[in-house]
Amino acid sequence: MIKLIRPASVIAGLLCAVVVGAQPALPVPFSVATERAELAGTEVKVDVYRPYDAEGEGVAVLAHGFSRDRTHDRDLGRDLAQAGIVAIAPDLPNVVDYWGSGDVMLDMVRLLERGAFGLPPTPRARIVLIGTSAGAVGTVIAASKLPGLGGWIGLDPVDRWGVAARAAAKLTTPAVVLLGDASVCNLFGSGRSIAQAASTLVRSERIRGASHCDFEGPTDNFCRTVCGKSPRGMDRIVRSETVIAALDMLRGSADDSPAPASP
């Protein structure tokens, strides 16, 4: 059952940040709303980053990593919104339950297809799923069950048991995988196996110098201590590459032909 629940709070206004890459020359003004929705049988909070032109580029649904929540998708949500993409960031009830997270993503897509969060019904082709670390596993499971989806983007995905690789092999939608430097936090680059398994891979790129922490935002000192630090500004590079990939997918300009994963 999927149910949209009355918004809990709304924060509206212009939020300013600089986004580099192939986005509009000037940031798009947007609002942020925190709502509640019932997804896969659980009521969760959902942050909605909505450009004032909410029918612009499309919708990106974000999935946070292990032991995190939707607030760690804040920086990416803002950058996507400033590029004209509606960003939807839910709390995942149990991110270690990959299949449960996949069900949350499936329900979210179906909710958006019907119309939700003040948005008109969104065709599946105008929706992309973006997952970080363990959140990438749930999103790729969902993407493998959603033919016609706009695309799937994995941000330094962690695949402990090969679950994501098996799901990636079933994808029929464009896929992009962005990787950080190998560390204990990404199981020493386990995302490569996901990229290699995806038959619809558009691009796989290791962002040299990027820590696992650069794929969430904001991050914290605990993450930097465990996963490693990186040069200043690497997080902005990661977000820029993510926004560019999402725009390409939603605009239909990505090359859908399979491509080998980079080392």
Protein backbone atom coordinates (compact mmCIF):
# COMPACT_ATOMS: atom_id res chain seq x y z
CA MET A 1 0.00 0.00 0.00
CA ILE A 2 1.25 3.47 -0.90
CA LYS A 3 -0.16 6.49 0.88
CA LEU A 4 0.86 10.14 0.83
CA ILE A 5 0.56 11.80 4.22
CA ARG A 6 0.03 15.50 4.97
CA PRO A 7 3.23 17.59 4.87
CA ALA A 8 4.88 18.02 8.26
CA SER A 9 6.80 21.20 7.46
CA VAL A 10 7.69 23.41 4.55
CA ILE A 11 10.73 25.62 4.11
CA ALA A 12 10.47 27.87 1.09
CA GLY A 13 12.87 30.36 -0.40
CA LEU A 14 15.89 30.82 -2.53
CA LEU A 15 18.88 28.66 -1.66
CA CYS A 16 22.20 29.64 -3.20
CA ALA A 17 25.06 27.28 -4.09
CA VAL A 18 27.43 26.93 -6.99
CA VAL A 19 27.06 23.88 -9.20
CA VAL A 20 29.75 23.26 -11.78
CA GLY A 21 29.42 21.27 -14.98
CA ALA A 22 26.83 21.06 -17.72
CA GLN A 23 23.95 22.63 -15.83
CA PRO A 24 22.15 25.93 -16.41
CA ALA A 25 24.47 28.95 -16.22
CA LEU A 26 22.45 30.38 -13.34
CA PRO A 27 21.16 28.26 -10.44
CA VAL A 28 17.43 27.62 -10.51
CA PRO A 29 15.55 28.90 -7.43
CA PHE A 30 13.85 26.13 -5.46
CA SER A 31 11.99 25.30 -2.25
CA VAL A 32 12.44 22.50 0.28
CA ALA A 33 9.56 20.66 1.94
CA THR A 34 9.63 17.86 4.50
CA GLU A 35 6.66 15.56 4.06
CA ARG A 36 5.60 12.13 5.28
CA ALA A 37 4.69 9.16 3.12
CA GLU A 38 3.87 5.53 3.71
CA LEU A 39 6.24 3.42 1.64
CA ALA A 40 6.46 -0.39 1.77
CA GLY A 41 4.21 -0.35 4.82
CA THR A 42 6.28 2.12 6.85
CA GLU A 43 5.69 5.82 7.42
CA VAL A 44 8.85 7.80 6.63
CA LYS A 45 9.96 11.41 6.32
CA VAL A 46 10.68 12.63 2.80
CA ASP A 47 12.55 15.79 1.84
CA VAL A 48 11.41 17.30 -1.46
CA TYR A 49 13.74 19.75 -3.25
CA ARG A 50 11.52 21.36 -5.84
CA PRO A 51 12.61 23.87 -8.49
CA TYR A 52 10.04 26.58 -9.02
CA ASP A 53 9.72 25.18 -12.54
CA ALA A 54 8.77 21.78 -11.13
CA GLU A 55 8.00 20.33 -14.55
CA GLY A 56 11.51 21.05 -15.83
CA GLU A 57 14.02 18.25 -16.17
CA GLY A 58 12.40 15.39 -14.25
CA VAL A 59 12.68 13.71 -10.85
CA ALA A 60 15.59 12.05 -9.03
CA VAL A 61 14.90 9.76 -6.06
CA LEU A 62 17.83 9.52 -3.63
CA ALA A 63 18.76 6.68 -1.26
CA HIS A 64 21.23 7.31 1.57
CA GLY A 65 23.87 4.92 2.90
CA PHE A 66 24.18 2.64 5.92
CA SER A 67 23.57 4.27 9.34
CA ARG A 68 22.58 7.53 7.60
CA ASP A 69 19.29 9.28 6.89
CA ARG A 70 17.80 11.57 4.28
CA THR A 71 19.67 14.61 5.63
CA HIS A 72 22.93 13.18 4.26
CA ASP A 73 21.46 13.66 0.76
CA ARG A 74 20.92 17.37 1.41
CA ASP A 75 23.81 18.76 -0.64
CA LEU A 76 23.05 16.58 -3.66
CA GLY A 77 19.35 17.38 -3.38
CA ARG A 78 20.12 21.10 -3.51
CA ASP A 79 22.46 20.75 -6.49
CA LEU A 80 19.93 18.67 -8.42
CA ALA A 81 17.17 21.20 -7.70
CA GLN A 82 19.37 24.09 -8.82
CA ALA A 83 19.88 22.21 -12.08
CA GLY A 84 16.11 21.99 -12.56
CA ILE A 85 15.58 18.44 -11.29
CA VAL A 86 13.10 17.66 -8.52
CA ALA A 87 14.99 15.67 -5.86
CA ILE A 88 13.14 13.32 -3.50
CA ALA A 89 15.10 12.06 -0.45
CA PRO A 90 13.28 9.61 1.86
CA ASP A 91 14.50 8.03 5.07
CA LEU A 92 15.08 4.32 4.47
CA PRO A 93 13.52 2.29 7.32
CA ASN A 94 16.29 -0.33 7.32
CA VAL A 95 19.11 0.22 4.86
CA VAL A 96 20.72 -3.18 5.59
CA ASP A 97 17.54 -4.81 4.25
CA TYR A 98 18.38 -4.34 0.58
CA TRP A 99 15.12 -5.86 -0.64
CA GLY A 100 13.11 -3.73 1.80
CA SER A 101 14.90 -0.63 0.51
CA GLY A 102 14.12 -1.78 -3.02
CA ASP A 103 10.43 -2.00 -2.11
CA VAL A 104 10.57 1.57 -0.76
CA MET A 105 12.03 2.75 -4.07
CA LEU A 106 9.43 0.81 -6.07
CA ASP A 107 6.61 2.37 -4.06
CA MET A 108 8.15 5.82 -4.46
CA VAL A 109 8.27 5.49 -8.26
CA ARG A 110 4.68 4.27 -8.37
CA LEU A 111 3.63 7.16 -6.12
CA LEU A 112 5.34 9.66 -8.43
CA GLU A 113 3.72 8.07 -11.48
CA ARG A 114 0.32 8.78 -9.93
CA GLY A 115 1.27 12.29 -8.80
CA ALA A 116 2.60 13.13 -5.33
CA PHE A 117 4.27 15.85 -3.24
CA GLY A 118 2.44 18.53 -5.19
CA LEU A 119 3.85 17.25 -8.48
CA PRO A 120 1.80 16.20 -11.48
CA PRO A 121 1.96 12.52 -12.52
CA THR A 122 5.54 11.83 -13.62
CA PRO A 123 6.20 9.35 -16.45
CA ARG A 124 8.66 6.64 -15.46
CA ALA A 125 11.08 7.72 -18.18
CA ARG A 126 11.44 11.06 -16.36
CA ILE A 127 12.54 9.44 -13.10
CA VAL A 128 16.08 8.40 -12.14
CA LEU A 129 17.13 6.49 -9.03
CA ILE A 130 20.37 7.52 -7.28
CA GLY A 131 21.78 5.43 -4.44
CA THR A 132 24.84 6.02 -2.24
CA SER A 133 26.89 3.18 -0.75
CA ALA A 134 24.44 0.59 0.64
CA GLY A 135 21.57 2.73 -0.67
CA ALA A 136 22.77 1.94 -4.18
CA VAL A 137 21.87 -1.72 -3.65
CA GLY A 138 18.22 -1.01 -2.91
CA THR A 139 17.97 1.39 -5.84
CA VAL A 140 19.49 -1.04 -8.35
CA ILE A 141 17.18 -3.80 -7.15
CA ALA A 142 14.23 -1.47 -7.78
CA ALA A 143 15.62 -0.25 -11.12
CA SER A 144 15.93 -3.86 -12.32
CA LYS A 145 12.17 -4.22 -11.83
CA LEU A 146 11.20 -0.94 -13.52
CA PRO A 147 11.45 -1.20 -17.32
CA GLY A 148 11.32 2.20 -18.95
CA LEU A 149 12.92 3.98 -15.98
CA GLY A 150 14.96 7.06 -16.90
CA GLY A 151 18.13 5.64 -15.35
CA TRP A 152 20.06 4.39 -12.32
CA ILE A 153 23.15 6.03 -10.78
CA GLY A 154 25.26 4.20 -8.20
CA LEU A 155 27.48 6.40 -6.01
CA ASP A 156 30.43 4.35 -4.68
CA PRO A 157 28.10 1.37 -4.20
CA VAL A 158 28.93 -1.35 -1.67
CA ASP A 159 28.04 -4.91 -2.65
CA ARG A 160 28.83 -7.22 0.26
CA TRP A 161 27.12 -10.36 -1.04
CA GLY A 162 26.81 -9.79 -4.79
CA VAL A 163 23.17 -8.74 -4.52
CA ALA A 164 23.64 -5.52 -6.49
CA ALA A 165 25.69 -7.19 -9.20
CA ARG A 166 22.94 -9.74 -9.80
CA ALA A 167 20.34 -6.98 -9.98
CA ALA A 168 22.55 -4.88 -12.27
CA ALA A 169 22.73 -7.79 -14.71
CA LYS A 170 18.94 -7.52 -15.10
CA LEU A 171 18.85 -3.77 -15.78
CA THR A 172 17.13 -2.56 -18.92
CA THR A 173 17.68 1.11 -18.12
CA PRO A 174 20.83 3.25 -18.55
CA ALA A 175 23.29 2.91 -15.68
CA VAL A 176 26.14 5.08 -14.43
CA VAL A 177 28.50 4.08 -11.61
CA LEU A 178 30.81 6.60 -9.91
CA LEU A 179 33.54 5.20 -7.68
CA GLY A 180 35.86 6.56 -5.01
CA ASP A 181 39.30 5.36 -4.01
CA ALA A 182 39.32 1.86 -2.54
CA SER A 183 38.92 1.71 1.24
CA VAL A 184 37.40 -0.48 3.91
CA CYS A 185 34.20 1.60 3.65
CA ASN A 186 33.51 0.59 0.04
CA LEU A 187 34.88 -2.92 0.55
CA PHE A 188 37.98 -1.96 -1.40
CA GLY A 189 36.14 -0.88 -4.54
CA SER A 190 33.39 -3.51 -4.62
CA GLY A 191 31.33 -1.21 -6.85
CA ARG A 192 33.46 -2.26 -9.80
CA SER A 193 31.68 -5.61 -9.83
CA ILE A 194 28.33 -3.86 -10.11
CA ALA A 195 29.51 -1.74 -13.04
CA GLN A 196 30.94 -4.79 -14.80
CA ALA A 197 27.67 -6.70 -14.35
CA ALA A 198 25.43 -3.94 -15.75
CA SER A 199 24.66 -4.79 -19.36
CA THR A 200 23.21 -1.30 -19.90
CA LEU A 201 26.21 0.53 -18.47
CA VAL A 202 26.65 3.98 -19.96
CA ARG A 203 29.66 5.04 -17.89
CA SER A 204 31.73 3.86 -14.96
CA GLU A 205 34.31 6.24 -13.58
CA ARG A 206 36.65 6.23 -10.63
CA ILE A 207 36.99 9.77 -9.32
CA ARG A 208 40.61 9.70 -8.22
CA GLY A 209 41.21 11.18 -4.81
CA ALA A 210 37.56 10.88 -3.75
CA SER A 211 36.85 9.33 -0.36
CA HIS A 212 33.74 7.27 0.32
CA CYS A 213 32.61 10.27 2.40
CA ASP A 214 32.55 12.53 -0.67
CA PHE A 215 29.50 10.66 -1.99
CA GLU A 216 27.28 11.95 0.82
CA GLY A 217 26.72 15.50 1.96
CA PRO A 218 26.99 16.73 4.53
CA THR A 219 29.39 14.15 5.91
CA ASP A 220 31.10 14.13 9.32
CA ASN A 221 34.45 13.61 11.02
CA PHE A 222 33.60 10.03 11.99
CA CYS A 223 33.24 9.11 8.31
CA ARG A 224 36.49 10.88 7.45
CA THR A 225 38.30 9.08 10.26
CA VAL A 226 37.07 5.62 9.24
CA CYS A 227 36.94 6.00 5.45
CA GLY A 228 39.72 8.48 4.82
CA LYS A 229 40.03 12.15 3.99
CA SER A 230 40.26 13.68 0.53
CA PRO A 231 41.46 16.92 -1.08
CA ARG A 232 39.22 19.92 -0.53
CA GLY A 233 36.39 20.18 -3.06
CA MET A 234 36.20 16.49 -4.03
CA ASP A 235 32.62 16.32 -2.77
CA ARG A 236 31.64 19.10 -5.19
CA ILE A 237 33.26 17.22 -8.07
CA VAL A 238 31.28 14.08 -7.17
CA ARG A 239 28.01 16.01 -7.00
CA SER A 240 28.72 17.76 -10.29
CA GLU A 241 29.34 14.44 -12.04
CA THR A 242 26.15 13.05 -10.51
CA VAL A 243 24.04 15.99 -11.66
CA ILE A 244 25.48 15.80 -15.17
CA ALA A 245 24.69 12.07 -15.36
CA ALA A 246 21.13 12.67 -14.17
CA LEU A 247 20.58 15.47 -16.68
CA ASP A 248 21.90 13.29 -19.49
CA MET A 249 19.53 10.48 -18.57
CA LEU A 250 16.50 12.70 -18.19
CA ARG A 251 17.22 14.55 -21.41
CA GLY A 252 17.76 11.28 -23.25
CA SER A 253 21.25 12.32 -24.37
CA ALA A 254 23.16 9.47 -22.73
CA ASP A 255 24.61 6.79 -24.97
CA ASP A 256 22.64 3.66 -24.09
CA SER A 257 25.15 1.28 -25.63
CA PRO A 258 27.07 -0.92 -23.17
CA ALA A 259 30.51 0.30 -22.13
CA PRO A 260 33.30 -1.45 -20.25
CA ALA A 261 33.96 -0.41 -16.66
CA SER A 262 37.08 1.65 -16.15
CA PRO A 263 39.74 0.21 -13.83
